[in-house]
Amino acid sequence: MKKQKKNTGKHSDADLAEAYIYPSVLTKAEKENSEAAFLALRKKKMIEATDTQRLISRLLQLRYHIEDYINAHEFTPDKSFTFFLNEYLRTIDKKKKDFAQEIQIHETKLSQIINGRVEPNDKFIIRLEIHSQNMFPALFWFKLIRMEQEYDLENNKEIRKKEARFVKKRLELNY
């Protein structure tokens, strides 16, 4: 941990702050010109970007979306594993059939995973990681699946009723 130096009195606190923080001294017109120049440069860079650079940009955007969602620790049903898998396919502009061939999985199995009828196994998740050249680690996909499972376990009241009849004796606790 760095030690902060105490102000020895040679400079006022305002002088020290000004030395580290550059105050904005642009007029309104200068600020507008600066923003216009920045937007023009940004637009030029976007036009000059190669297809690969655009793909990387879109993939990074999706990656950050997934990271933020995972770090929020709050599952929402409309952002499940299948939602992000579909987003991945849309981002890389692949049809399900072509993607299934690329990762050597039967097209029907991929369809079942995408539609939420079958849960993806570890092999499938690892293939997603390898396909994305580790831009989307298997752990991301795994966490998305676990978030959904936790949500289902927490909110599925019917399974509790159904399974309660198989428990013949419960602990006798008074708390």
C-alpha atoms as a PDB file:
ATOM      1  CA  MET A   1       0.000   0.000   0.000  1.00  0.00           C
ATOM      2  CA  LYS A   2       1.351   3.403  -0.946  1.00  0.00           C
ATOM      3  CA  LYS A   3       1.898   5.989   1.720  1.00  0.00           C
ATOM      4  CA  GLN A   4       0.471   9.395   1.006  1.00  0.00           C
ATOM      5  CA  LYS A   5       2.799  12.294   1.564  1.00  0.00           C
ATOM      6  CA  LYS A   6       1.569  14.979   3.877  1.00  0.00           C
ATOM      7  CA  ASN A   7       1.233  18.510   2.629  1.00  0.00           C
ATOM      8  CA  THR A   8       4.274  20.265   4.060  1.00  0.00           C
ATOM      9  CA  GLY A   9       2.761  23.718   3.555  1.00  0.00           C
ATOM     10  CA  LYS A  10       4.763  24.721   0.477  1.00  0.00           C
ATOM     11  CA  HIS A  11       1.662  24.410  -1.709  1.00  0.00           C
ATOM     12  CA  SER A  12      -1.984  24.867  -0.887  1.00  0.00           C
ATOM     13  CA  ASP A  13      -4.397  21.953  -1.274  1.00  0.00           C
ATOM     14  CA  ALA A  14      -5.981  23.741  -4.253  1.00  0.00           C
ATOM     15  CA  ASP A  15      -2.569  24.056  -5.960  1.00  0.00           C
ATOM     16  CA  LEU A  16      -1.912  20.357  -5.405  1.00  0.00           C
ATOM     17  CA  ALA A  17      -5.312  19.376  -6.773  1.00  0.00           C
ATOM     18  CA  GLU A  18      -4.844  21.595  -9.819  1.00  0.00           C
ATOM     19  CA  ALA A  19      -1.466  19.975 -10.466  1.00  0.00           C
ATOM     20  CA  TYR A  20      -3.155  16.577 -10.806  1.00  0.00           C
ATOM     21  CA  ILE A  21      -6.528  17.551 -12.251  1.00  0.00           C
ATOM     22  CA  TYR A  22      -6.639  19.616 -15.384  1.00  0.00           C
ATOM     23  CA  PRO A  23      -9.557  21.984 -15.229  1.00  0.00           C
ATOM     24  CA  SER A  24     -11.791  22.262 -18.260  1.00  0.00           C
ATOM     25  CA  VAL A  25     -11.300  25.691 -19.747  1.00  0.00           C
ATOM     26  CA  LEU A  26     -13.092  25.130 -23.045  1.00  0.00           C
ATOM     27  CA  THR A  27     -15.798  27.485 -24.113  1.00  0.00           C
ATOM     28  CA  LYS A  28     -19.132  26.090 -25.204  1.00  0.00           C
ATOM     29  CA  ALA A  29     -18.204  26.478 -28.881  1.00  0.00           C
ATOM     30  CA  GLU A  30     -14.806  24.814 -28.352  1.00  0.00           C
ATOM     31  CA  LYS A  31     -16.463  21.955 -26.516  1.00  0.00           C
ATOM     32  CA  GLU A  32     -18.967  21.440 -29.360  1.00  0.00           C
ATOM     33  CA  ASN A  33     -16.151  21.516 -31.926  1.00  0.00           C
ATOM     34  CA  SER A  34     -14.159  19.030 -29.881  1.00  0.00           C
ATOM     35  CA  GLU A  35     -17.120  16.665 -29.617  1.00  0.00           C
ATOM     36  CA  ALA A  36     -17.844  16.975 -33.348  1.00  0.00           C
ATOM     37  CA  ALA A  37     -14.211  16.206 -34.181  1.00  0.00           C
ATOM     38  CA  PHE A  38     -14.262  13.212 -31.868  1.00  0.00           C
ATOM     39  CA  LEU A  39     -17.485  11.853 -33.417  1.00  0.00           C
ATOM     40  CA  ALA A  40     -16.081  12.346 -36.921  1.00  0.00           C
ATOM     41  CA  LEU A  41     -12.908  10.469 -35.991  1.00  0.00           C
ATOM     42  CA  ARG A  42     -14.932   7.695 -34.377  1.00  0.00           C
ATOM     43  CA  LYS A  43     -17.164   7.399 -37.450  1.00  0.00           C
ATOM     44  CA  LYS A  44     -14.101   7.271 -39.715  1.00  0.00           C
ATOM     45  CA  LYS A  45     -12.545   4.496 -37.594  1.00  0.00           C
ATOM     46  CA  MET A  46     -15.785   2.512 -37.688  1.00  0.00           C
ATOM     47  CA  ILE A  47     -15.973   2.790 -41.472  1.00  0.00           C
ATOM     48  CA  GLU A  48     -12.317   1.751 -41.847  1.00  0.00           C
ATOM     49  CA  ALA A  49     -12.680  -1.226 -39.508  1.00  0.00           C
ATOM     50  CA  THR A  50     -12.245  -4.638 -41.067  1.00  0.00           C
ATOM     51  CA  ASP A  51     -14.885  -7.364 -40.763  1.00  0.00           C
ATOM     52  CA  THR A  52     -12.663  -9.134 -38.234  1.00  0.00           C
ATOM     53  CA  GLN A  53     -12.366  -5.978 -36.127  1.00  0.00           C
ATOM     54  CA  ARG A  54     -16.150  -5.531 -36.209  1.00  0.00           C
ATOM     55  CA  LEU A  55     -16.652  -9.168 -35.178  1.00  0.00           C
ATOM     56  CA  ILE A  56     -14.199  -8.805 -32.299  1.00  0.00           C
ATOM     57  CA  SER A  57     -15.961  -5.632 -31.206  1.00  0.00           C
ATOM     58  CA  ARG A  58     -19.372  -7.355 -31.198  1.00  0.00           C
ATOM     59  CA  LEU A  59     -17.966 -10.400 -29.386  1.00  0.00           C
ATOM     60  CA  LEU A  60     -16.359  -8.217 -26.731  1.00  0.00           C
ATOM     61  CA  GLN A  61     -19.632  -6.384 -26.284  1.00  0.00           C
ATOM     62  CA  LEU A  62     -21.404  -9.719 -25.709  1.00  0.00           C
ATOM     63  CA  ARG A  63     -18.646 -10.885 -23.370  1.00  0.00           C
ATOM     64  CA  TYR A  64     -18.972  -7.744 -21.227  1.00  0.00           C
ATOM     65  CA  HIS A  65     -22.745  -8.175 -21.202  1.00  0.00           C
ATOM     66  CA  ILE A  66     -22.363 -11.739 -19.900  1.00  0.00           C
ATOM     67  CA  GLU A  67     -19.735 -10.706 -17.328  1.00  0.00           C
ATOM     68  CA  ASP A  68     -21.937  -7.902 -16.004  1.00  0.00           C
ATOM     69  CA  TYR A  69     -24.926 -10.222 -15.826  1.00  0.00           C
ATOM     70  CA  ILE A  70     -22.979 -12.923 -13.967  1.00  0.00           C
ATOM     71  CA  ASN A  71     -21.462 -10.395 -11.554  1.00  0.00           C
ATOM     72  CA  ALA A  72     -24.912  -8.964 -10.777  1.00  0.00           C
ATOM     73  CA  HIS A  73     -25.771 -12.348  -9.165  1.00  0.00           C
ATOM     74  CA  GLU A  74     -29.424 -11.942 -10.053  1.00  0.00           C
ATOM     75  CA  PHE A  75     -31.068 -14.296 -12.526  1.00  0.00           C
ATOM     76  CA  THR A  76     -33.803 -13.042 -14.798  1.00  0.00           C
ATOM     77  CA  PRO A  77     -35.700 -15.671 -16.817  1.00  0.00           C
ATOM     78  CA  ASP A  78     -35.360 -13.757 -20.077  1.00  0.00           C
ATOM     79  CA  LYS A  79     -31.539 -13.886 -19.839  1.00  0.00           C
ATOM     80  CA  SER A  80     -30.873 -17.574 -19.553  1.00  0.00           C
ATOM     81  CA  PHE A  81     -28.074 -19.705 -20.954  1.00  0.00           C
ATOM     82  CA  THR A  82     -30.128 -20.214 -24.102  1.00  0.00           C
ATOM     83  CA  PHE A  83     -30.594 -16.457 -24.537  1.00  0.00           C
ATOM     84  CA  PHE A  84     -26.835 -15.875 -24.477  1.00  0.00           C
ATOM     85  CA  LEU A  85     -26.172 -18.884 -26.713  1.00  0.00           C
ATOM     86  CA  ASN A  86     -28.589 -17.450 -29.270  1.00  0.00           C
ATOM     87  CA  GLU A  87     -26.865 -14.064 -28.923  1.00  0.00           C
ATOM     88  CA  TYR A  88     -23.527 -15.751 -29.558  1.00  0.00           C
ATOM     89  CA  LEU A  89     -24.863 -17.372 -32.736  1.00  0.00           C
ATOM     90  CA  ARG A  90     -26.380 -14.080 -33.876  1.00  0.00           C
ATOM     91  CA  THR A  91     -23.135 -12.225 -33.141  1.00  0.00           C
ATOM     92  CA  ILE A  92     -20.979 -14.621 -35.144  1.00  0.00           C
ATOM     93  CA  ASP A  93     -23.688 -14.710 -37.838  1.00  0.00           C
ATOM     94  CA  LYS A  94     -23.984 -18.502 -37.903  1.00  0.00           C
ATOM     95  CA  LYS A  95     -26.994 -20.621 -38.669  1.00  0.00           C
ATOM     96  CA  LYS A  96     -27.679 -23.432 -36.228  1.00  0.00           C
ATOM     97  CA  LYS A  97     -26.912 -26.052 -38.848  1.00  0.00           C
ATOM     98  CA  ASP A  98     -23.503 -24.546 -39.686  1.00  0.00           C
ATOM     99  CA  PHE A  99     -22.631 -24.027 -36.035  1.00  0.00           C
ATOM    100  CA  ALA A 100     -23.600 -27.610 -35.192  1.00  0.00           C
ATOM    101  CA  GLN A 101     -21.217 -28.828 -37.881  1.00  0.00           C
ATOM    102  CA  GLU A 102     -18.402 -26.577 -36.643  1.00  0.00           C
ATOM    103  CA  ILE A 103     -18.556 -27.949 -33.107  1.00  0.00           C
ATOM    104  CA  GLN A 104     -19.463 -31.468 -34.285  1.00  0.00           C
ATOM    105  CA  ILE A 105     -22.754 -31.861 -32.500  1.00  0.00           C
ATOM    106  CA  HIS A 106     -25.950 -33.227 -34.025  1.00  0.00           C
ATOM    107  CA  GLU A 107     -28.209 -30.442 -35.244  1.00  0.00           C
ATOM    108  CA  THR A 108     -31.158 -31.893 -33.314  1.00  0.00           C
ATOM    109  CA  LYS A 109     -29.154 -31.913 -30.064  1.00  0.00           C
ATOM    110  CA  LEU A 110     -28.158 -28.273 -30.603  1.00  0.00           C
ATOM    111  CA  SER A 111     -31.785 -27.371 -31.260  1.00  0.00           C
ATOM    112  CA  GLN A 112     -32.844 -29.114 -28.041  1.00  0.00           C
ATOM    113  CA  ILE A 113     -30.204 -27.190 -26.077  1.00  0.00           C
ATOM    114  CA  ILE A 114     -31.161 -23.865 -27.670  1.00  0.00           C
ATOM    115  CA  ASN A 115     -34.848 -24.470 -26.947  1.00  0.00           C
ATOM    116  CA  GLY A 116     -34.153 -25.433 -23.331  1.00  0.00           C
ATOM    117  CA  ARG A 117     -35.378 -29.018 -23.620  1.00  0.00           C
ATOM    118  CA  VAL A 118     -31.952 -30.519 -22.902  1.00  0.00           C
ATOM    119  CA  GLU A 119     -29.342 -29.144 -20.534  1.00  0.00           C
ATOM    120  CA  PRO A 120     -25.890 -28.752 -22.075  1.00  0.00           C
ATOM    121  CA  ASN A 121     -23.176 -31.037 -20.757  1.00  0.00           C
ATOM    122  CA  ASP A 122     -19.574 -30.128 -19.930  1.00  0.00           C
ATOM    123  CA  LYS A 123     -18.316 -31.250 -23.340  1.00  0.00           C
ATOM    124  CA  PHE A 124     -20.673 -28.867 -25.095  1.00  0.00           C
ATOM    125  CA  ILE A 125     -19.628 -25.973 -22.863  1.00  0.00           C
ATOM    126  CA  ILE A 126     -15.955 -26.689 -23.491  1.00  0.00           C
ATOM    127  CA  ARG A 127     -16.608 -26.761 -27.231  1.00  0.00           C
ATOM    128  CA  LEU A 128     -18.168 -23.293 -26.928  1.00  0.00           C
ATOM    129  CA  GLU A 129     -15.013 -22.102 -25.164  1.00  0.00           C
ATOM    130  CA  ILE A 130     -12.754 -23.601 -27.844  1.00  0.00           C
ATOM    131  CA  HIS A 131     -14.945 -22.292 -30.678  1.00  0.00           C
ATOM    132  CA  SER A 132     -14.677 -18.746 -29.310  1.00  0.00           C
ATOM    133  CA  GLN A 133     -10.900 -19.104 -28.861  1.00  0.00           C
ATOM    134  CA  ASN A 134     -11.386 -18.679 -25.097  1.00  0.00           C
ATOM    135  CA  MET A 135     -13.138 -15.325 -25.465  1.00  0.00           C
ATOM    136  CA  PHE A 136     -16.062 -16.983 -23.695  1.00  0.00           C
ATOM    137  CA  PRO A 137     -14.575 -19.323 -21.087  1.00  0.00           C
ATOM    138  CA  ALA A 138     -16.446 -22.493 -20.198  1.00  0.00           C
ATOM    139  CA  LEU A 139     -16.817 -21.082 -16.702  1.00  0.00           C
ATOM    140  CA  PHE A 140     -19.028 -18.245 -18.070  1.00  0.00           C
ATOM    141  CA  TRP A 141     -21.400 -20.725 -19.690  1.00  0.00           C
ATOM    142  CA  PHE A 142     -21.342 -22.933 -16.588  1.00  0.00           C
ATOM    143  CA  LYS A 143     -22.215 -19.983 -14.331  1.00  0.00           C
ATOM    144  CA  LEU A 144     -25.132 -19.050 -16.583  1.00  0.00           C
ATOM    145  CA  ILE A 145     -26.478 -22.591 -16.302  1.00  0.00           C
ATOM    146  CA  ARG A 146     -26.013 -22.644 -12.514  1.00  0.00           C
ATOM    147  CA  MET A 147     -27.778 -19.298 -12.116  1.00  0.00           C
ATOM    148  CA  GLU A 148     -30.780 -20.719 -13.937  1.00  0.00           C
ATOM    149  CA  GLN A 149     -30.713 -23.929 -11.887  1.00  0.00           C
ATOM    150  CA  GLU A 150     -30.561 -21.963  -8.635  1.00  0.00           C
ATOM    151  CA  TYR A 151     -33.522 -19.872  -9.747  1.00  0.00           C
ATOM    152  CA  ASP A 152     -35.533 -22.976 -10.683  1.00  0.00           C
ATOM    153  CA  LEU A 153     -34.695 -24.721  -7.423  1.00  0.00           C
ATOM    154  CA  GLU A 154     -35.644 -21.676  -5.389  1.00  0.00           C
ATOM    155  CA  ASN A 155     -38.931 -21.014  -7.175  1.00  0.00           C
ATOM    156  CA  ASN A 156     -40.254 -24.484  -8.002  1.00  0.00           C
ATOM    157  CA  LYS A 157     -42.910 -25.078  -5.329  1.00  0.00           C
ATOM    158  CA  GLU A 158     -44.522 -27.991  -7.162  1.00  0.00           C
ATOM    159  CA  ILE A 159     -41.455 -30.229  -6.914  1.00  0.00           C
ATOM    160  CA  ARG A 160     -41.388 -29.682  -3.140  1.00  0.00           C
ATOM    161  CA  LYS A 161     -44.987 -30.816  -2.839  1.00  0.00           C
ATOM    162  CA  LYS A 162     -44.362 -33.779  -5.106  1.00  0.00           C
ATOM    163  CA  GLU A 163     -41.181 -34.905  -3.324  1.00  0.00           C
ATOM    164  CA  ALA A 164     -42.561 -34.327   0.206  1.00  0.00           C
ATOM    165  CA  ARG A 165     -44.665 -37.477  -0.054  1.00  0.00           C
ATOM    166  CA  PHE A 166     -41.475 -39.570  -0.355  1.00  0.00           C
ATOM    167  CA  VAL A 167     -40.118 -38.350   2.980  1.00  0.00           C
ATOM    168  CA  LYS A 168     -41.580 -40.684   5.614  1.00  0.00           C
ATOM    169  CA  LYS A 169     -40.115 -39.059   8.687  1.00  0.00           C
ATOM    170  CA  ARG A 170     -38.844 -35.542   9.218  1.00  0.00           C
ATOM    171  CA  LEU A 171     -36.519 -34.218  11.879  1.00  0.00           C
ATOM    172  CA  GLU A 172     -38.342 -33.096  14.995  1.00  0.00           C
ATOM    173  CA  LEU A 173     -36.978 -29.652  15.595  1.00  0.00           C
ATOM    174  CA  ASN A 174     -38.467 -26.845  17.612  1.00  0.00           C
ATOM    175  CA  TYR A 175     -36.897 -23.608  16.504  1.00  0.00           C
END
